[in-house]
PDB file of all heavy atoms in Angstrom:
ATOM      1  N   THR A   1      -5.971  10.222   3.392  1.00  0.00           N
ATOM      2  CA  THR A   1      -5.362  11.356   2.695  1.00  0.00           C
ATOM      3  C   THR A   1      -5.007  12.454   3.693  1.00  0.00           C
ATOM      4  O   THR A   1      -5.682  12.658   4.707  1.00  0.00           O
ATOM      5  CB  THR A   1      -6.316  11.937   1.645  1.00  0.00           C
ATOM      6  OG1 THR A   1      -7.522  12.374   2.274  1.00  0.00           O
ATOM      7  CG2 THR A   1      -6.647  10.891   0.593  1.00  0.00           C
ATOM      8  N   LEU A   2      -3.934  13.142   3.393  1.00  0.00           N
ATOM      9  CA  LEU A   2      -3.477  14.279   4.190  1.00  0.00           C
ATOM     10  C   LEU A   2      -2.870  15.292   3.233  1.00  0.00           C
ATOM     11  O   LEU A   2      -1.794  15.067   2.674  1.00  0.00           O
ATOM     12  CB  LEU A   2      -2.446  13.836   5.224  1.00  0.00           C
ATOM     13  CG  LEU A   2      -1.819  14.933   6.081  1.00  0.00           C
ATOM     14  CD1 LEU A   2      -2.867  15.579   6.990  1.00  0.00           C
ATOM     15  CD2 LEU A   2      -0.670  14.376   6.925  1.00  0.00           C
ATOM     16  N   ASP A   3      -3.603  16.392   3.020  1.00  0.00           N
ATOM     17  CA  ASP A   3      -3.194  17.376   2.008  1.00  0.00           C
ATOM     18  C   ASP A   3      -3.064  16.653   0.666  1.00  0.00           C
ATOM     19  O   ASP A   3      -4.018  16.065   0.190  1.00  0.00           O
ATOM     20  CB  ASP A   3      -1.893  18.063   2.429  1.00  0.00           C
ATOM     21  CG  ASP A   3      -2.056  18.835   3.735  1.00  0.00           C
ATOM     22  OD1 ASP A   3      -3.155  19.372   3.962  1.00  0.00           O
ATOM     23  OD2 ASP A   3      -1.094  18.883   4.519  1.00  0.00           O
ATOM     24  N   ASN A   4      -1.873  16.638   0.083  1.00  0.00           N
ATOM     25  CA  ASN A   4      -1.685  15.956  -1.198  1.00  0.00           C
ATOM     26  C   ASN A   4      -1.005  14.596  -1.044  1.00  0.00           C
ATOM     27  O   ASN A   4      -0.510  14.035  -2.025  1.00  0.00           O
ATOM     28  CB  ASN A   4      -0.850  16.834  -2.141  1.00  0.00           C
ATOM     29  CG  ASN A   4      -1.616  18.045  -2.603  1.00  0.00           C
ATOM     30  OD1 ASN A   4      -2.831  18.001  -2.752  1.00  0.00           O
ATOM     31  ND2 ASN A   4      -0.908  19.146  -2.824  1.00  0.00           N
ATOM     32  N   ASN A   5      -0.990  14.082   0.171  1.00  0.00           N
ATOM     33  CA  ASN A   5      -0.340  12.799   0.438  1.00  0.00           C
ATOM     34  C   ASN A   5      -1.387  11.713   0.650  1.00  0.00           C
ATOM     35  O   ASN A   5      -2.491  11.977   1.128  1.00  0.00           O
ATOM     36  CB  ASN A   5       0.548  12.903   1.681  1.00  0.00           C
ATOM     37  CG  ASN A   5       1.643  13.937   1.520  1.00  0.00           C
ATOM     38  OD1 ASN A   5       2.435  13.859   0.593  1.00  0.00           O
ATOM     39  ND2 ASN A   5       1.670  14.915   2.413  1.00  0.00           N
ATOM     40  N   VAL A   6      -1.012  10.490   0.306  1.00  0.00           N
ATOM     41  CA  VAL A   6      -1.918   9.354   0.430  1.00  0.00           C
ATOM     42  C   VAL A   6      -1.218   8.217   1.183  1.00  0.00           C
ATOM     43  O   VAL A   6      -0.051   7.917   0.918  1.00  0.00           O
ATOM     44  CB  VAL A   6      -2.365   8.840  -0.957  1.00  0.00           C
ATOM     45  CG1 VAL A   6      -3.213   7.581  -0.810  1.00  0.00           C
ATOM     46  CG2 VAL A   6      -3.151   9.909  -1.689  1.00  0.00           C
ATOM     47  N   MET A   7      -1.950   7.628   2.112  1.00  0.00           N
ATOM     48  CA  MET A   7      -1.472   6.437   2.802  1.00  0.00           C
ATOM     49  C   MET A   7      -2.571   5.383   2.744  1.00  0.00           C
ATOM     50  O   MET A   7      -3.744   5.689   2.990  1.00  0.00           O
ATOM     51  CB  MET A   7      -1.131   6.737   4.263  1.00  0.00           C
ATOM     52  CG  MET A   7      -0.613   5.514   5.035  1.00  0.00           C
ATOM     53  SD  MET A   7      -0.168   5.874   6.755  1.00  0.00           S
ATOM     54  CE  MET A   7      -1.800   6.012   7.493  1.00  0.00           C
ATOM     55  N   LEU A   8      -2.211   4.160   2.401  1.00  0.00           N
ATOM     56  CA  LEU A   8      -3.149   3.050   2.426  1.00  0.00           C
ATOM     57  C   LEU A   8      -3.032   2.339   3.769  1.00  0.00           C
ATOM     58  O   LEU A   8      -1.929   1.985   4.203  1.00  0.00           O
ATOM     59  CB  LEU A   8      -2.855   2.058   1.299  1.00  0.00           C
ATOM     60  CG  LEU A   8      -2.905   2.607  -0.129  1.00  0.00           C
ATOM     61  CD1 LEU A   8      -2.641   1.474  -1.119  1.00  0.00           C
ATOM     62  CD2 LEU A   8      -4.235   3.286  -0.427  1.00  0.00           C
ATOM     63  N   GLN A   9      -4.157   2.137   4.415  1.00  0.00           N
ATOM     64  CA  GLN A   9      -4.223   1.340   5.637  1.00  0.00           C
ATOM     65  C   GLN A   9      -4.878   0.012   5.263  1.00  0.00           C
ATOM     66  O   GLN A   9      -6.077  -0.047   5.005  1.00  0.00           O
ATOM     67  CB  GLN A   9      -5.032   2.052   6.719  1.00  0.00           C
ATOM     68  CG  GLN A   9      -5.188   1.237   7.998  1.00  0.00           C
ATOM     69  CD  GLN A   9      -6.224   1.820   8.941  1.00  0.00           C
ATOM     70  OE1 GLN A   9      -6.725   2.925   8.732  1.00  0.00           O
ATOM     71  NE2 GLN A   9      -6.557   1.080   9.986  1.00  0.00           N
ATOM     72  N   ILE A  10      -4.060  -1.045   5.222  1.00  0.00           N
ATOM     73  CA  ILE A  10      -4.527  -2.349   4.757  1.00  0.00           C
ATOM     74  C   ILE A  10      -4.700  -3.264   5.962  1.00  0.00           C
ATOM     75  O   ILE A  10      -3.745  -3.532   6.696  1.00  0.00           O
ATOM     76  CB  ILE A  10      -3.533  -2.958   3.752  1.00  0.00           C
ATOM     77  CG1 ILE A  10      -3.283  -1.982   2.601  1.00  0.00           C
ATOM     78  CG2 ILE A  10      -4.052  -4.288   3.235  1.00  0.00           C
ATOM     79  CD1 ILE A  10      -2.157  -2.394   1.687  1.00  0.00           C
ATOM     80  N   GLN A  11      -5.905  -3.727   6.175  1.00  0.00           N
ATOM     81  CA  GLN A  11      -6.229  -4.589   7.313  1.00  0.00           C
ATOM     82  C   GLN A  11      -6.458  -6.010   6.809  1.00  0.00           C
ATOM     83  O   GLN A  11      -7.272  -6.234   5.909  1.00  0.00           O
ATOM     84  CB  GLN A  11      -7.476  -4.070   8.028  1.00  0.00           C
ATOM     85  CG  GLN A  11      -7.287  -2.660   8.569  1.00  0.00           C
ATOM     86  CD  GLN A  11      -8.539  -2.109   9.222  1.00  0.00           C
ATOM     87  OE1 GLN A  11      -9.635  -2.228   8.666  1.00  0.00           O
ATOM     88  NE2 GLN A  11      -8.395  -1.505  10.384  1.00  0.00           N
ATOM     89  N   SER A  12      -5.726  -6.962   7.404  1.00  0.00           N
ATOM     90  CA  SER A  12      -5.777  -8.328   6.903  1.00  0.00           C
ATOM     91  C   SER A  12      -5.548  -9.312   8.034  1.00  0.00           C
ATOM     92  O   SER A  12      -5.237  -8.938   9.161  1.00  0.00           O
ATOM     93  CB  SER A  12      -4.719  -8.529   5.807  1.00  0.00           C
ATOM     94  OG  SER A  12      -3.413  -8.276   6.322  1.00  0.00           O
ATOM     95  N   SER A  13      -5.692 -10.584   7.720  1.00  0.00           N
ATOM     96  CA  SER A  13      -5.466 -11.640   8.700  1.00  0.00           C
ATOM     97  C   SER A  13      -4.022 -12.109   8.718  1.00  0.00           C
ATOM     98  O   SER A  13      -3.672 -13.017   9.462  1.00  0.00           O
ATOM     99  CB  SER A  13      -6.382 -12.837   8.396  1.00  0.00           C
ATOM    100  OG  SER A  13      -6.134 -13.324   7.086  1.00  0.00           O
ATOM    101  N   ARG A  14      -3.190 -11.489   7.911  1.00  0.00           N
ATOM    102  CA  ARG A  14      -1.763 -11.829   7.862  1.00  0.00           C
ATOM    103  C   ARG A  14      -1.006 -10.611   7.356  1.00  0.00           C
ATOM    104  O   ARG A  14      -1.564  -9.764   6.644  1.00  0.00           O
ATOM    105  CB  ARG A  14      -1.515 -13.006   6.920  1.00  0.00           C
ATOM    106  CG  ARG A  14      -2.027 -12.750   5.509  1.00  0.00           C
ATOM    107  CD  ARG A  14      -1.798 -13.904   4.556  1.00  0.00           C
ATOM    108  NE  ARG A  14      -2.418 -13.668   3.265  1.00  0.00           N
ATOM    109  CZ  ARG A  14      -1.906 -12.889   2.318  1.00  0.00           C
ATOM    110  NH1 ARG A  14      -0.754 -12.287   2.509  1.00  0.00           N
ATOM    111  NH2 ARG A  14      -2.536 -12.722   1.167  1.00  0.00           N
ATOM    112  N   PRO A  15       0.286 -10.483   7.685  1.00  0.00           N
ATOM    113  CA  PRO A  15       1.064  -9.366   7.142  1.00  0.00           C
ATOM    114  C   PRO A  15       1.283  -9.542   5.647  1.00  0.00           C
ATOM    115  O   PRO A  15       1.377 -10.666   5.147  1.00  0.00           O
ATOM    116  CB  PRO A  15       2.381  -9.456   7.920  1.00  0.00           C
ATOM    117  CG  PRO A  15       2.456 -10.863   8.419  1.00  0.00           C
ATOM    118  CD  PRO A  15       1.054 -11.307   8.628  1.00  0.00           C
ATOM    119  N   LEU A  16       1.341  -8.440   4.941  1.00  0.00           N
ATOM    120  CA  LEU A  16       1.541  -8.473   3.487  1.00  0.00           C
ATOM    121  C   LEU A  16       2.981  -8.118   3.145  1.00  0.00           C
ATOM    122  O   LEU A  16       3.629  -7.341   3.852  1.00  0.00           O
ATOM    123  CB  LEU A  16       0.589  -7.482   2.810  1.00  0.00           C
ATOM    124  CG  LEU A  16      -0.905  -7.673   3.114  1.00  0.00           C
ATOM    125  CD1 LEU A  16      -1.718  -6.597   2.405  1.00  0.00           C
ATOM    126  CD2 LEU A  16      -1.370  -9.051   2.685  1.00  0.00           C
ATOM    127  N   ASP A  17       3.497  -8.683   2.054  1.00  0.00           N
ATOM    128  CA  ASP A  17       4.864  -8.359   1.642  1.00  0.00           C
ATOM    129  C   ASP A  17       4.857  -7.322   0.537  1.00  0.00           C
ATOM    130  O   ASP A  17       3.863  -7.104  -0.155  1.00  0.00           O
ATOM    131  CB  ASP A  17       5.633  -9.614   1.222  1.00  0.00           C
ATOM    132  CG  ASP A  17       4.971 -10.324   0.045  1.00  0.00           C
ATOM    133  OD1 ASP A  17       4.798  -9.688  -1.013  1.00  0.00           O
ATOM    134  OD2 ASP A  17       4.625 -11.515   0.197  1.00  0.00           O
ATOM    135  N   SER A  18       5.989  -6.680   0.354  1.00  0.00           N
ATOM    136  CA  SER A  18       6.098  -5.573  -0.589  1.00  0.00           C
ATOM    137  C   SER A  18       5.915  -6.022  -2.033  1.00  0.00           C
ATOM    138  O   SER A  18       5.385  -5.283  -2.856  1.00  0.00           O
ATOM    139  CB  SER A  18       7.452  -4.884  -0.432  1.00  0.00           C
ATOM    140  OG  SER A  18       8.505  -5.814  -0.612  1.00  0.00           O
ATOM    141  N   THR A  19       6.315  -7.262  -2.345  1.00  0.00           N
ATOM    142  CA  THR A  19       6.178  -7.751  -3.720  1.00  0.00           C
ATOM    143  C   THR A  19       4.712  -7.842  -4.124  1.00  0.00           C
ATOM    144  O   THR A  19       4.307  -7.387  -5.204  1.00  0.00           O
ATOM    145  CB  THR A  19       6.846  -9.129  -3.876  1.00  0.00           C
ATOM    146  OG1 THR A  19       8.225  -9.031  -3.506  1.00  0.00           O
ATOM    147  CG2 THR A  19       6.732  -9.618  -5.309  1.00  0.00           C
ATOM    148  N   ALA A  20       3.898  -8.417  -3.249  1.00  0.00           N
ATOM    149  CA  ALA A  20       2.473  -8.539  -3.541  1.00  0.00           C
ATOM    150  C   ALA A  20       1.826  -7.175  -3.666  1.00  0.00           C
ATOM    151  O   ALA A  20       0.978  -6.940  -4.539  1.00  0.00           O
ATOM    152  CB  ALA A  20       1.785  -9.350  -2.447  1.00  0.00           C
ATOM    153  N   LEU A  21       2.243  -6.251  -2.817  1.00  0.00           N
ATOM    154  CA  LEU A  21       1.672  -4.907  -2.862  1.00  0.00           C
ATOM    155  C   LEU A  21       2.054  -4.191  -4.146  1.00  0.00           C
ATOM    156  O   LEU A  21       1.221  -3.567  -4.802  1.00  0.00           O
ATOM    157  CB  LEU A  21       2.141  -4.101  -1.647  1.00  0.00           C
ATOM    158  CG  LEU A  21       1.362  -4.349  -0.361  1.00  0.00           C
ATOM    159  CD1 LEU A  21       2.104  -3.790   0.829  1.00  0.00           C
ATOM    160  CD2 LEU A  21      -0.018  -3.719  -0.465  1.00  0.00           C
ATOM    161  N   GLN A  22       3.324  -4.267  -4.501  1.00  0.00           N
ATOM    162  CA  GLN A  22       3.772  -3.564  -5.693  1.00  0.00           C
ATOM    163  C   GLN A  22       3.126  -4.137  -6.950  1.00  0.00           C
ATOM    164  O   GLN A  22       2.840  -3.409  -7.906  1.00  0.00           O
ATOM    165  CB  GLN A  22       5.296  -3.636  -5.813  1.00  0.00           C
ATOM    166  CG  GLN A  22       5.872  -2.669  -6.832  1.00  0.00           C
ATOM    167  CD  GLN A  22       5.578  -1.216  -6.474  1.00  0.00           C
ATOM    168  OE1 GLN A  22       6.202  -0.643  -5.597  1.00  0.00           O
ATOM    169  NE2 GLN A  22       4.610  -0.600  -7.158  1.00  0.00           N
ATOM    170  N   THR A  23       2.855  -5.461  -6.936  1.00  0.00           N
ATOM    171  CA  THR A  23       2.167  -6.081  -8.064  1.00  0.00           C
ATOM    172  C   THR A  23       0.735  -5.572  -8.175  1.00  0.00           C
ATOM    173  O   THR A  23       0.217  -5.345  -9.282  1.00  0.00           O
ATOM    174  CB  THR A  23       2.163  -7.619  -7.900  1.00  0.00           C
ATOM    175  OG1 THR A  23       3.509  -8.086  -7.842  1.00  0.00           O
ATOM    176  CG2 THR A  23       1.446  -8.283  -9.055  1.00  0.00           C
ATOM    177  N   ALA A  24       0.080  -5.372  -7.035  1.00  0.00           N
ATOM    178  CA  ALA A  24      -1.322  -4.946  -7.037  1.00  0.00           C
ATOM    179  C   ALA A  24      -1.490  -3.465  -7.297  1.00  0.00           C
ATOM    180  O   ALA A  24      -2.550  -3.014  -7.737  1.00  0.00           O
ATOM    181  CB  ALA A  24      -1.966  -5.313  -5.704  1.00  0.00           C
ATOM    182  N   LEU A  25      -0.424  -2.687  -7.052  1.00  0.00           N
ATOM    183  CA  LEU A  25      -0.534  -1.234  -7.165  1.00  0.00           C
ATOM    184  C   LEU A  25       0.199  -0.724  -8.393  1.00  0.00           C
ATOM    185  O   LEU A  25       1.340  -1.122  -8.652  1.00  0.00           O
ATOM    186  CB  LEU A  25       0.054  -0.562  -5.921  1.00  0.00           C
ATOM    187  CG  LEU A  25      -0.683  -0.821  -4.602  1.00  0.00           C
ATOM    188  CD1 LEU A  25       0.138  -0.275  -3.444  1.00  0.00           C
ATOM    189  CD2 LEU A  25      -2.056  -0.185  -4.621  1.00  0.00           C
ATOM    190  N   PRO A  26      -0.411   0.169  -9.130  1.00  0.00           N
ATOM    191  CA  PRO A  26       0.273   0.750 -10.287  1.00  0.00           C
ATOM    192  C   PRO A  26       1.149   1.936  -9.920  1.00  0.00           C
ATOM    193  O   PRO A  26       1.767   2.532 -10.789  1.00  0.00           O
ATOM    194  CB  PRO A  26      -0.896   1.203 -11.169  1.00  0.00           C
ATOM    195  CG  PRO A  26      -1.980   1.529 -10.202  1.00  0.00           C
ATOM    196  CD  PRO A  26      -1.817   0.561  -9.067  1.00  0.00           C
ATOM    197  N   TRP A  27       1.208   2.275  -8.630  1.00  0.00           N
ATOM    198  CA  TRP A  27       1.977   3.435  -8.211  1.00  0.00           C
ATOM    199  C   TRP A  27       3.180   3.014  -7.388  1.00  0.00           C
ATOM    200  O   TRP A  27       3.197   1.969  -6.751  1.00  0.00           O
ATOM    201  CB  TRP A  27       1.104   4.377  -7.363  1.00  0.00           C
ATOM    202  CG  TRP A  27      -0.150   4.770  -8.062  1.00  0.00           C
ATOM    203  CD1 TRP A  27      -0.288   5.689  -9.065  1.00  0.00           C
ATOM    204  CD2 TRP A  27      -1.451   4.236  -7.841  1.00  0.00           C
ATOM    205  NE1 TRP A  27      -1.581   5.775  -9.463  1.00  0.00           N
ATOM    206  CE2 TRP A  27      -2.331   4.894  -8.728  1.00  0.00           C
ATOM    207  CE3 TRP A  27      -1.967   3.281  -6.970  1.00  0.00           C
ATOM    208  CZ2 TRP A  27      -3.680   4.627  -8.777  1.00  0.00           C
ATOM    209  CZ3 TRP A  27      -3.314   3.002  -7.004  1.00  0.00           C
ATOM    210  CH2 TRP A  27      -4.156   3.673  -7.903  1.00  0.00           C
ATOM    211  N   LYS A  28       4.161   3.852  -7.352  1.00  0.00           N
ATOM    212  CA  LYS A  28       5.374   3.572  -6.599  1.00  0.00           C
ATOM    213  C   LYS A  28       5.099   3.710  -5.101  1.00  0.00           C
ATOM    214  O   LYS A  28       4.421   4.622  -4.658  1.00  0.00           O
ATOM    215  CB  LYS A  28       6.488   4.532  -7.007  1.00  0.00           C
ATOM    216  CG  LYS A  28       7.817   4.266  -6.291  1.00  0.00           C
ATOM    217  CD  LYS A  28       8.871   5.264  -6.737  1.00  0.00           C
ATOM    218  CE  LYS A  28      10.176   5.016  -5.973  1.00  0.00           C
ATOM    219  NZ  LYS A  28      11.228   5.992  -6.348  1.00  0.00           N
ATOM    220  N   ILE A  29       5.647   2.768  -4.335  1.00  0.00           N
ATOM    221  CA  ILE A  29       5.502   2.786  -2.887  1.00  0.00           C
ATOM    222  C   ILE A  29       6.696   3.508  -2.282  1.00  0.00           C
ATOM    223  O   ILE A  29       7.842   3.282  -2.655  1.00  0.00           O
ATOM    224  CB  ILE A  29       5.437   1.350  -2.326  1.00  0.00           C
ATOM    225  CG1 ILE A  29       4.213   0.616  -2.887  1.00  0.00           C
ATOM    226  CG2 ILE A  29       5.415   1.361  -0.804  1.00  0.00           C
ATOM    227  CD1 ILE A  29       4.188  -0.846  -2.516  1.00  0.00           C
ATOM    228  N   ILE A  30       6.405   4.395  -1.330  1.00  0.00           N
ATOM    229  CA  ILE A  30       7.482   5.037  -0.578  1.00  0.00           C
ATOM    230  C   ILE A  30       7.897   4.080   0.534  1.00  0.00           C
ATOM    231  O   ILE A  30       7.130   3.794   1.432  1.00  0.00           O
ATOM    232  CB  ILE A  30       7.021   6.377   0.017  1.00  0.00           C
ATOM    233  CG1 ILE A  30       6.569   7.333  -1.091  1.00  0.00           C
ATOM    234  CG2 ILE A  30       8.139   7.000   0.847  1.00  0.00           C
ATOM    235  CD1 ILE A  30       6.021   8.631  -0.575  1.00  0.00           C
TER     236      ILE A  30
END
């Protein structure tokens, strides 16, 4: 978090795609 902003730092054994992320998250991705 930074002031009123949020960033997710996702650590994994492979890169993630935007479709999987958007499905898992109920919020809009910038």
